[in-house]
Amino acid sequence: MFERTLPIGTVVRLKNAKKRLMIIGYCKYKMGDNETIYDYAGCGYPEGFISPEATALFDHDQIERIYALGFQNETRFAFEEKLREAIEQVKPFEEA
């Protein structure tokens, strides 16, 4: 599913979008839809989190441009490995 996961705090722009988003979470459901899991949750940049209703859910393949990567260190790399394992269990039949 992922070539790699992008760290929390990464600023991206989605295809056909004008507004930038900052990644604030992983593997999220849309309220009322417990079947579709999105790769990322994001908030508007530079405003930051305003409310759950203003949070965007999107998949890795929707990202057109990465403007800045979030903080990375050993803790984040260890978390990424666990996240990849969890994603494989949740989305086992989807192609990368």
PDB file of N, CA and C in Angstrom:
ATOM      1  N   MET A   1       0.822  -1.194   0.000  1.00  0.00           N
ATOM      2  CA  MET A   1       0.000   0.000   0.000  1.00  0.00           C
ATOM      3  C   MET A   1       0.862   1.251   0.000  1.00  0.00           C
ATOM      4  N   PHE A   2       1.850   1.342   0.862  1.00  0.00           N
ATOM      5  CA  PHE A   2       2.717   2.509   0.914  1.00  0.00           C
ATOM      6  C   PHE A   2       4.084   2.159   0.350  1.00  0.00           C
ATOM      7  N   GLU A   3       4.670   3.080  -0.375  1.00  0.00           N
ATOM      8  CA  GLU A   3       6.093   2.945  -0.632  1.00  0.00           C
ATOM      9  C   GLU A   3       6.791   3.179   0.699  1.00  0.00           C
ATOM     10  N   ARG A   4       6.283   4.128   1.432  1.00  0.00           N
ATOM     11  CA  ARG A   4       6.701   4.421   2.796  1.00  0.00           C
ATOM     12  C   ARG A   4       5.626   5.304   3.394  1.00  0.00           C
ATOM     13  N   THR A   5       5.549   5.321   4.690  1.00  0.00           N
ATOM     14  CA  THR A   5       4.580   6.202   5.332  1.00  0.00           C
ATOM     15  C   THR A   5       5.220   7.566   5.548  1.00  0.00           C
ATOM     16  N   LEU A   6       4.433   8.586   5.431  1.00  0.00           N
ATOM     17  CA  LEU A   6       4.926   9.934   5.662  1.00  0.00           C
ATOM     18  C   LEU A   6       4.743  10.284   7.127  1.00  0.00           C
ATOM     19  N   PRO A   7       5.710  10.960   7.732  1.00  0.00           N
ATOM     20  CA  PRO A   7       5.617  11.261   9.155  1.00  0.00           C
ATOM     21  C   PRO A   7       4.555  12.307   9.487  1.00  0.00           C
ATOM     22  N   ILE A   8       4.070  12.239  10.715  1.00  0.00           N
ATOM     23  CA  ILE A   8       3.166  13.259  11.240  1.00  0.00           C
ATOM     24  C   ILE A   8       3.846  14.617  11.059  1.00  0.00           C
ATOM     25  N   GLY A   9       3.075  15.600  10.649  1.00  0.00           N
ATOM     26  CA  GLY A   9       3.622  16.931  10.433  1.00  0.00           C
ATOM     27  C   GLY A   9       4.011  17.196   8.991  1.00  0.00           C
ATOM     28  N   THR A  10       3.989  16.165   8.137  1.00  0.00           N
ATOM     29  CA  THR A  10       4.314  16.354   6.727  1.00  0.00           C
ATOM     30  C   THR A  10       3.238  17.207   6.072  1.00  0.00           C
ATOM     31  N   VAL A  11       3.667  18.157   5.251  1.00  0.00           N
ATOM     32  CA  VAL A  11       2.742  19.050   4.551  1.00  0.00           C
ATOM     33  C   VAL A  11       2.678  18.620   3.088  1.00  0.00           C
ATOM     34  N   VAL A  12       1.449  18.361   2.614  1.00  0.00           N
ATOM     35  CA  VAL A  12       1.230  17.854   1.256  1.00  0.00           C
ATOM     36  C   VAL A  12       0.121  18.642   0.559  1.00  0.00           C
ATOM     37  N   ARG A  13       0.047  18.453  -0.759  1.00  0.00           N
ATOM     38  CA  ARG A  13      -1.110  18.934  -1.528  1.00  0.00           C
ATOM     39  C   ARG A  13      -1.628  17.739  -2.307  1.00  0.00           C
ATOM     40  N   LEU A  14      -2.931  17.548  -2.275  1.00  0.00           N
ATOM     41  CA  LEU A  14      -3.558  16.444  -2.995  1.00  0.00           C
ATOM     42  C   LEU A  14      -3.774  16.819  -4.448  1.00  0.00           C
ATOM     43  N   LYS A  15      -3.924  15.814  -5.287  1.00  0.00           N
ATOM     44  CA  LYS A  15      -4.217  16.034  -6.699  1.00  0.00           C
ATOM     45  C   LYS A  15      -5.504  16.849  -6.819  1.00  0.00           C
ATOM     46  N   ASN A  16      -5.521  17.795  -7.736  1.00  0.00           N
ATOM     47  CA  ASN A  16      -6.680  18.656  -8.003  1.00  0.00           C
ATOM     48  C   ASN A  16      -7.107  19.490  -6.801  1.00  0.00           C
ATOM     49  N   ALA A  17      -6.188  19.777  -5.898  1.00  0.00           N
ATOM     50  CA  ALA A  17      -6.506  20.593  -4.723  1.00  0.00           C
ATOM     51  C   ALA A  17      -5.626  21.840  -4.727  1.00  0.00           C
ATOM     52  N   LYS A  18      -6.123  22.888  -4.093  1.00  0.00           N
ATOM     53  CA  LYS A  18      -5.341  24.115  -3.956  1.00  0.00           C
ATOM     54  C   LYS A  18      -4.792  24.260  -2.543  1.00  0.00           C
ATOM     55  N   LYS A  19      -5.494  23.717  -1.573  1.00  0.00           N
ATOM     56  CA  LYS A  19      -5.152  23.855  -0.159  1.00  0.00           C
ATOM     57  C   LYS A  19      -4.140  22.792   0.261  1.00  0.00           C
ATOM     58  N   ARG A  20      -3.170  23.182   1.049  1.00  0.00           N
ATOM     59  CA  ARG A  20      -2.205  22.238   1.602  1.00  0.00           C
ATOM     60  C   ARG A  20      -2.771  21.618   2.872  1.00  0.00           C
ATOM     61  N   LEU A  21      -2.349  20.385   3.140  1.00  0.00           N
ATOM     62  CA  LEU A  21      -2.762  19.660   4.334  1.00  0.00           C
ATOM     63  C   LEU A  21      -1.533  19.214   5.107  1.00  0.00           C
ATOM     64  N   MET A  22      -1.668  19.148   6.426  1.00  0.00           N
ATOM     65  CA  MET A  22      -0.620  18.609   7.275  1.00  0.00           C
ATOM     66  C   MET A  22      -1.119  17.278   7.846  1.00  0.00           C
ATOM     67  N   ILE A  23      -0.322  16.248   7.700  1.00  0.00           N
ATOM     68  CA  ILE A  23      -0.707  14.925   8.195  1.00  0.00           C
ATOM     69  C   ILE A  23      -0.718  14.924   9.720  1.00  0.00           C
ATOM     70  N   ILE A  24      -1.863  14.466  10.280  1.00  0.00           N
ATOM     71  CA  ILE A  24      -2.016  14.428  11.739  1.00  0.00           C
ATOM     72  C   ILE A  24      -2.370  13.037  12.258  1.00  0.00           C
ATOM     73  N   GLY A  25      -2.542  12.058  11.365  1.00  0.00           N
ATOM     74  CA  GLY A  25      -2.886  10.714  11.829  1.00  0.00           C
ATOM     75  C   GLY A  25      -2.882   9.704  10.700  1.00  0.00           C
ATOM     76  N   TYR A  26      -3.019   8.444  11.094  1.00  0.00           N
ATOM     77  CA  TYR A  26      -2.974   7.318  10.161  1.00  0.00           C
ATOM     78  C   TYR A  26      -4.200   6.423  10.321  1.00  0.00           C
ATOM     79  N   CYS A  27      -4.544   5.714   9.257  1.00  0.00           N
ATOM     80  CA  CYS A  27      -5.563   4.652   9.267  1.00  0.00           C
ATOM     81  C   CYS A  27      -6.857   5.100   9.933  1.00  0.00           C
ATOM     82  N   LYS A  28      -7.509   6.044   9.342  1.00  0.00           N
ATOM     83  CA  LYS A  28      -8.728   6.603   9.919  1.00  0.00           C
ATOM     84  C   LYS A  28      -9.956   6.215   9.111  1.00  0.00           C
ATOM     85  N   TYR A  29     -11.090   6.092   9.827  1.00  0.00           N
ATOM     86  CA  TYR A  29     -12.395   5.866   9.218  1.00  0.00           C
ATOM     87  C   TYR A  29     -13.119   7.202   9.108  1.00  0.00           C
ATOM     88  N   LYS A  30     -13.975   7.310   8.107  1.00  0.00           N
ATOM     89  CA  LYS A  30     -14.876   8.460   8.022  1.00  0.00           C
ATOM     90  C   LYS A  30     -16.066   8.170   8.920  1.00  0.00           C
ATOM     91  N   MET A  31     -16.544   9.170   9.649  1.00  0.00           N
ATOM     92  CA  MET A  31     -17.704   8.966  10.527  1.00  0.00           C
ATOM     93  C   MET A  31     -18.864   8.379   9.732  1.00  0.00           C
ATOM     94  N   GLY A  32     -19.445   7.319  10.247  1.00  0.00           N
ATOM     95  CA  GLY A  32     -20.569   6.679   9.602  1.00  0.00           C
ATOM     96  C   GLY A  32     -20.181   5.620   8.587  1.00  0.00           C
ATOM     97  N   ASP A  33     -18.884   5.454   8.306  1.00  0.00           N
ATOM     98  CA  ASP A  33     -18.403   4.448   7.353  1.00  0.00           C
ATOM     99  C   ASP A  33     -17.272   3.680   8.016  1.00  0.00           C
ATOM    100  N   ASN A  34     -17.603   2.544   8.603  1.00  0.00           N
ATOM    101  CA  ASN A  34     -16.601   1.744   9.299  1.00  0.00           C
ATOM    102  C   ASN A  34     -15.932   0.712   8.403  1.00  0.00           C
ATOM    103  N   GLU A  35     -16.128   0.833   7.091  1.00  0.00           N
ATOM    104  CA  GLU A  35     -15.531  -0.135   6.176  1.00  0.00           C
ATOM    105  C   GLU A  35     -14.341   0.436   5.416  1.00  0.00           C
ATOM    106  N   THR A  36     -14.376   1.706   5.082  1.00  0.00           N
ATOM    107  CA  THR A  36     -13.296   2.321   4.320  1.00  0.00           C
ATOM    108  C   THR A  36     -12.276   2.927   5.271  1.00  0.00           C
ATOM    109  N   ILE A  37     -11.045   2.475   5.154  1.00  0.00           N
ATOM    110  CA  ILE A  37      -9.964   3.008   5.979  1.00  0.00           C
ATOM    111  C   ILE A  37      -9.071   3.854   5.075  1.00  0.00           C
ATOM    112  N   TYR A  38      -8.833   5.083   5.488  1.00  0.00           N
ATOM    113  CA  TYR A  38      -7.972   5.986   4.734  1.00  0.00           C
ATOM    114  C   TYR A  38      -6.561   5.943   5.315  1.00  0.00           C
ATOM    115  N   ASP A  39      -5.574   6.133   4.464  1.00  0.00           N
ATOM    116  CA  ASP A  39      -4.183   6.079   4.898  1.00  0.00           C
ATOM    117  C   ASP A  39      -3.838   7.186   5.886  1.00  0.00           C
ATOM    118  N   TYR A  40      -4.351   8.388   5.621  1.00  0.00           N
ATOM    119  CA  TYR A  40      -3.976   9.553   6.423  1.00  0.00           C
ATOM    120  C   TYR A  40      -5.188  10.389   6.826  1.00  0.00           C
ATOM    121  N   ALA A  41      -5.007  11.116   7.919  1.00  0.00           N
ATOM    122  CA  ALA A  41      -5.908  12.202   8.306  1.00  0.00           C
ATOM    123  C   ALA A  41      -5.065  13.468   8.262  1.00  0.00           C
ATOM    124  N   GLY A  42      -5.650  14.551   7.789  1.00  0.00           N
ATOM    125  CA  GLY A  42      -4.903  15.792   7.695  1.00  0.00           C
ATOM    126  C   GLY A  42      -5.748  16.991   8.072  1.00  0.00           C
ATOM    127  N   CYS A  43      -5.080  18.047   8.463  1.00  0.00           N
ATOM    128  CA  CYS A  43      -5.755  19.308   8.756  1.00  0.00           C
ATOM    129  C   CYS A  43      -5.186  20.368   7.823  1.00  0.00           C
ATOM    130  N   GLY A  44      -5.928  21.439   7.664  1.00  0.00           N
ATOM    131  CA  GLY A  44      -5.486  22.513   6.794  1.00  0.00           C
ATOM    132  C   GLY A  44      -4.180  23.117   7.273  1.00  0.00           C
ATOM    133  N   TYR A  45      -3.349  23.473   6.318  1.00  0.00           N
ATOM    134  CA  TYR A  45      -2.097  24.127   6.638  1.00  0.00           C
ATOM    135  C   TYR A  45      -2.137  25.535   6.052  1.00  0.00           C
ATOM    136  N   PRO A  46      -1.868  26.561   6.816  1.00  0.00           N
ATOM    137  CA  PRO A  46      -1.153  26.603   8.084  1.00  0.00           C
ATOM    138  C   PRO A  46      -2.045  26.687   9.315  1.00  0.00           C
ATOM    139  N   GLU A  47      -3.364  26.618   9.166  1.00  0.00           N
ATOM    140  CA  GLU A  47      -4.279  26.824  10.308  1.00  0.00           C
ATOM    141  C   GLU A  47      -4.134  25.762  11.390  1.00  0.00           C
ATOM    142  N   GLY A  48      -3.895  24.513  10.990  1.00  0.00           N
ATOM    143  CA  GLY A  48      -3.845  23.420  11.951  1.00  0.00           C
ATOM    144  C   GLY A  48      -5.233  22.874  12.233  1.00  0.00           C
ATOM    145  N   PHE A  49      -5.323  22.004  13.212  1.00  0.00           N
ATOM    146  CA  PHE A  49      -6.587  21.344  13.550  1.00  0.00           C
ATOM    147  C   PHE A  49      -7.597  22.364  14.053  1.00  0.00           C
ATOM    148  N   ILE A  50      -8.773  22.359  13.436  1.00  0.00           N
ATOM    149  CA  ILE A  50      -9.861  23.257  13.832  1.00  0.00           C
ATOM    150  C   ILE A  50     -10.983  22.464  14.493  1.00  0.00           C
ATOM    151  N   SER A  51     -11.389  21.365  13.831  1.00  0.00           N
ATOM    152  CA  SER A  51     -12.452  20.515  14.354  1.00  0.00           C
ATOM    153  C   SER A  51     -12.423  19.182  13.613  1.00  0.00           C
ATOM    154  N   PRO A  52     -13.065  18.151  14.165  1.00  0.00           N
ATOM    155  CA  PRO A  52     -13.121  16.871  13.452  1.00  0.00           C
ATOM    156  C   PRO A  52     -13.786  16.998  12.079  1.00  0.00           C
ATOM    157  N   GLU A  53     -14.766  17.892  11.970  1.00  0.00           N
ATOM    158  CA  GLU A  53     -15.469  18.068  10.699  1.00  0.00           C
ATOM    159  C   GLU A  53     -14.575  18.684   9.627  1.00  0.00           C
ATOM    160  N   ALA A  54     -13.543  19.394  10.033  1.00  0.00           N
ATOM    161  CA  ALA A  54     -12.627  20.040   9.090  1.00  0.00           C
ATOM    162  C   ALA A  54     -11.397  19.178   8.806  1.00  0.00           C
ATOM    163  N   THR A  55     -11.416  17.940   9.264  1.00  0.00           N
ATOM    164  CA  THR A  55     -10.294  17.028   9.030  1.00  0.00           C
ATOM    165  C   THR A  55     -10.503  16.300   7.707  1.00  0.00           C
ATOM    166  N   ALA A  56      -9.461  16.262   6.895  1.00  0.00           N
ATOM    167  CA  ALA A  56      -9.512  15.568   5.599  1.00  0.00           C
ATOM    168  C   ALA A  56      -8.969  14.156   5.757  1.00  0.00           C
ATOM    169  N   LEU A  57      -9.599  13.192   5.106  1.00  0.00           N
ATOM    170  CA  LEU A  57      -9.120  11.821   5.061  1.00  0.00           C
ATOM    171  C   LEU A  57      -8.705  11.530   3.627  1.00  0.00           C
ATOM    172  N   PHE A  58      -7.527  10.930   3.459  1.00  0.00           N
ATOM    173  CA  PHE A  58      -7.043  10.696   2.099  1.00  0.00           C
ATOM    174  C   PHE A  58      -6.057   9.536   2.073  1.00  0.00           C
ATOM    175  N   ASP A  59      -5.831   9.028   0.866  1.00  0.00           N
ATOM    176  CA  ASP A  59      -4.908   7.918   0.669  1.00  0.00           C
ATOM    177  C   ASP A  59      -3.598   8.417   0.070  1.00  0.00           C
ATOM    178  N   HIS A  60      -2.573   7.628   0.240  1.00  0.00           N
ATOM    179  CA  HIS A  60      -1.228   7.981  -0.216  1.00  0.00           C
ATOM    180  C   HIS A  60      -1.205   8.325  -1.709  1.00  0.00           C
ATOM    181  N   ASP A  61      -1.951   7.562  -2.508  1.00  0.00           N
ATOM    182  CA  ASP A  61      -1.921   7.794  -3.958  1.00  0.00           C
ATOM    183  C   ASP A  61      -2.624   9.075  -4.392  1.00  0.00           C
ATOM    184  N   GLN A  62      -3.291   9.753  -3.494  1.00  0.00           N
ATOM    185  CA  GLN A  62      -3.927  11.030  -3.805  1.00  0.00           C
ATOM    186  C   GLN A  62      -2.966  12.208  -3.653  1.00  0.00           C
ATOM    187  N   ILE A  63      -1.816  11.966  -3.075  1.00  0.00           N
ATOM    188  CA  ILE A  63      -0.852  13.039  -2.837  1.00  0.00           C
ATOM    189  C   ILE A  63      -0.157  13.396  -4.146  1.00  0.00           C
ATOM    190  N   GLU A  64      -0.210  14.683  -4.488  1.00  0.00           N
ATOM    191  CA  GLU A  64       0.469  15.153  -5.691  1.00  0.00           C
ATOM    192  C   GLU A  64       1.855  15.714  -5.380  1.00  0.00           C
ATOM    193  N   ARG A  65       1.956  16.430  -4.259  1.00  0.00           N
ATOM    194  CA  ARG A  65       3.220  17.081  -3.937  1.00  0.00           C
ATOM    195  C   ARG A  65       3.457  17.067  -2.429  1.00  0.00           C
ATOM    196  N   ILE A  66       4.709  16.841  -2.058  1.00  0.00           N
ATOM    197  CA  ILE A  66       5.130  16.918  -0.659  1.00  0.00           C
ATOM    198  C   ILE A  66       5.940  18.205  -0.509  1.00  0.00           C
ATOM    199  N   TYR A  67       5.505  19.075   0.403  1.00  0.00           N
ATOM    200  CA  TYR A  67       6.188  20.347   0.627  1.00  0.00           C
ATOM    201  C   TYR A  67       7.227  20.263   1.735  1.00  0.00           C
ATOM    202  N   ALA A  68       6.941  19.511   2.779  1.00  0.00           N
ATOM    203  CA  ALA A  68       7.862  19.389   3.907  1.00  0.00           C
ATOM    204  C   ALA A  68       7.593  18.078   4.632  1.00  0.00           C
ATOM    205  N   LEU A  69       8.648  17.400   5.032  1.00  0.00           N
ATOM    206  CA  LEU A  69       8.506  16.170   5.804  1.00  0.00           C
ATOM    207  C   LEU A  69       8.469  16.491   7.288  1.00  0.00           C
ATOM    208  N   GLY A  70       7.643  15.743   8.009  1.00  0.00           N
ATOM    209  CA  GLY A  70       7.584  15.892   9.452  1.00  0.00           C
ATOM    210  C   GLY A  70       8.832  15.331  10.116  1.00  0.00           C
ATOM    211  N   PHE A  71       8.925  15.524  11.415  1.00  0.00           N
ATOM    212  CA  PHE A  71      10.083  15.107  12.208  1.00  0.00           C
ATOM    213  C   PHE A  71      10.289  13.608  12.128  1.00  0.00           C
ATOM    214  N   GLN A  72      11.560  13.200  11.991  1.00  0.00           N
ATOM    215  CA  GLN A  72      11.902  11.784  11.938  1.00  0.00           C
ATOM    216  C   GLN A  72      13.080  11.508  12.862  1.00  0.00           C
ATOM    217  N   ASN A  73      12.966  10.412  13.614  1.00  0.00           N
ATOM    218  CA  ASN A  73      14.069   9.923  14.440  1.00  0.00           C
ATOM    219  C   ASN A  73      13.886   8.418  14.625  1.00  0.00           C
ATOM    220  N   GLU A  74      14.673   7.817  15.490  1.00  0.00           N
ATOM    221  CA  GLU A  74      14.613   6.369  15.682  1.00  0.00           C
ATOM    222  C   GLU A  74      13.235   5.909  16.161  1.00  0.00           C
ATOM    223  N   THR A  75      12.608   6.699  17.022  1.00  0.00           N
ATOM    224  CA  THR A  75      11.278   6.352  17.527  1.00  0.00           C
ATOM    225  C   THR A  75      10.267   6.309  16.393  1.00  0.00           C
ATOM    226  N   ARG A  76      10.337   7.286  15.505  1.00  0.00           N
ATOM    227  CA  ARG A  76       9.426   7.341  14.368  1.00  0.00           C
ATOM    228  C   ARG A  76       9.660   6.163  13.421  1.00  0.00           C
ATOM    229  N   PHE A  77      10.922   5.775  13.187  1.00  0.00           N
ATOM    230  CA  PHE A  77      11.209   4.641  12.303  1.00  0.00           C
ATOM    231  C   PHE A  77      10.703   3.332  12.893  1.00  0.00           C
ATOM    232  N   ALA A  78      10.820   3.161  14.211  1.00  0.00           N
ATOM    233  CA  ALA A  78      10.282   1.962  14.874  1.00  0.00           C
ATOM    234  C   ALA A  78       8.761   1.947  14.767  1.00  0.00           C
ATOM    235  N   PHE A  79       8.137   3.116  14.956  1.00  0.00           N
ATOM    236  CA  PHE A  79       6.685   3.214  14.822  1.00  0.00           C
ATOM    237  C   PHE A  79       6.257   2.878  13.396  1.00  0.00           C
ATOM    238  N   GLU A  80       7.000   3.349  12.407  1.00  0.00           N
ATOM    239  CA  GLU A  80       6.659   3.091  11.006  1.00  0.00           C
ATOM    240  C   GLU A  80       6.611   1.592  10.723  1.00  0.00           C
ATOM    241  N   GLU A  81       7.549   0.841  11.274  1.00  0.00           N
ATOM    242  CA  GLU A  81       7.557  -0.607  11.072  1.00  0.00           C
ATOM    243  C   GLU A  81       6.302  -1.247  11.663  1.00  0.00           C
ATOM    244  N   LYS A  82       5.918  -0.839  12.861  1.00  0.00           N
ATOM    245  CA  LYS A  82       4.698  -1.366  13.481  1.00  0.00           C
ATOM    246  C   LYS A  82       3.459  -0.937  12.695  1.00  0.00           C
ATOM    247  N   LEU A  83       3.464   0.284  12.187  1.00  0.00           N
ATOM    248  CA  LEU A  83       2.346   0.782  11.393  1.00  0.00           C
ATOM    249  C   LEU A  83       2.194  -0.034  10.113  1.00  0.00           C
ATOM    250  N   ARG A  84       3.294  -0.325   9.453  1.00  0.00           N
ATOM    251  CA  ARG A  84       3.233  -1.143   8.225  1.00  0.00           C
ATOM    252  C   ARG A  84       2.647  -2.520   8.511  1.00  0.00           C
ATOM    253  N   GLU A  85       3.044  -3.117   9.615  1.00  0.00           N
ATOM    254  CA  GLU A  85       2.508  -4.428   9.993  1.00  0.00           C
ATOM    255  C   GLU A  85       1.009  -4.339  10.248  1.00  0.00           C
ATOM    256  N   ALA A  86       0.574  -3.305  10.940  1.00  0.00           N
ATOM    257  CA  ALA A  86      -0.856  -3.123  11.225  1.00  0.00           C
ATOM    258  C   ALA A  86      -1.642  -2.896   9.945  1.00  0.00           C
ATOM    259  N   ILE A  87      -1.082  -2.121   9.026  1.00  0.00           N
ATOM    260  CA  ILE A  87      -1.754  -1.843   7.751  1.00  0.00           C
ATOM    261  C   ILE A  87      -1.928  -3.128   6.956  1.00  0.00           C
ATOM    262  N   GLU A  88      -0.925  -3.979   6.965  1.00  0.00           N
ATOM    263  CA  GLU A  88      -1.017  -5.260   6.257  1.00  0.00           C
ATOM    264  C   GLU A  88      -2.166  -6.106   6.801  1.00  0.00           C
ATOM    265  N   GLN A  89      -2.429  -6.030   8.096  1.00  0.00           N
ATOM    266  CA  GLN A  89      -3.524  -6.792   8.689  1.00  0.00           C
ATOM    267  C   GLN A  89      -4.876  -6.174   8.359  1.00  0.00           C
ATOM    268  N   VAL A  90      -4.923  -4.841   8.291  1.00  0.00           N
ATOM    269  CA  VAL A  90      -6.187  -4.142   8.056  1.00  0.00           C
ATOM    270  C   VAL A  90      -6.552  -4.112   6.580  1.00  0.00           C
ATOM    271  N   LYS A  91      -5.566  -3.924   5.704  1.00  0.00           N
ATOM    272  CA  LYS A  91      -5.787  -3.819   4.269  1.00  0.00           C
ATOM    273  C   LYS A  91      -4.973  -4.882   3.525  1.00  0.00           C
ATOM    274  N   PRO A  92      -5.204  -6.154   3.810  1.00  0.00           N
ATOM    275  CA  PRO A  92      -4.335  -7.199   3.259  1.00  0.00           C
ATOM    276  C   PRO A  92      -4.471  -7.428   1.753  1.00  0.00           C
ATOM    277  N   PHE A  93      -5.587  -7.057   1.157  1.00  0.00           N
ATOM    278  CA  PHE A  93      -5.808  -7.400  -0.239  1.00  0.00           C
ATOM    279  C   PHE A  93      -5.631  -6.237  -1.195  1.00  0.00           C
ATOM    280  N   GLU A  94      -5.273  -5.079  -0.698  1.00  0.00           N
ATOM    281  CA  GLU A  94      -5.081  -3.938  -1.573  1.00  0.00           C
ATOM    282  C   GLU A  94      -3.672  -3.942  -2.117  1.00  0.00           C
ATOM    283  N   GLU A  95      -3.533  -3.487  -3.358  1.00  0.00           N
ATOM    284  CA  GLU A  95      -2.214  -3.403  -3.979  1.00  0.00           C
ATOM    285  C   GLU A  95      -1.561  -2.080  -3.639  1.00  0.00           C
ATOM    286  N   ALA A  96      -0.256  -2.063  -3.712  1.00  0.00           N
ATOM    287  CA  ALA A  96       0.491  -0.819  -3.448  1.00  0.00           C
ATOM    288  C   ALA A  96       0.215   0.208  -4.516  1.00  0.00           C
TER     289      ALA A  96
END
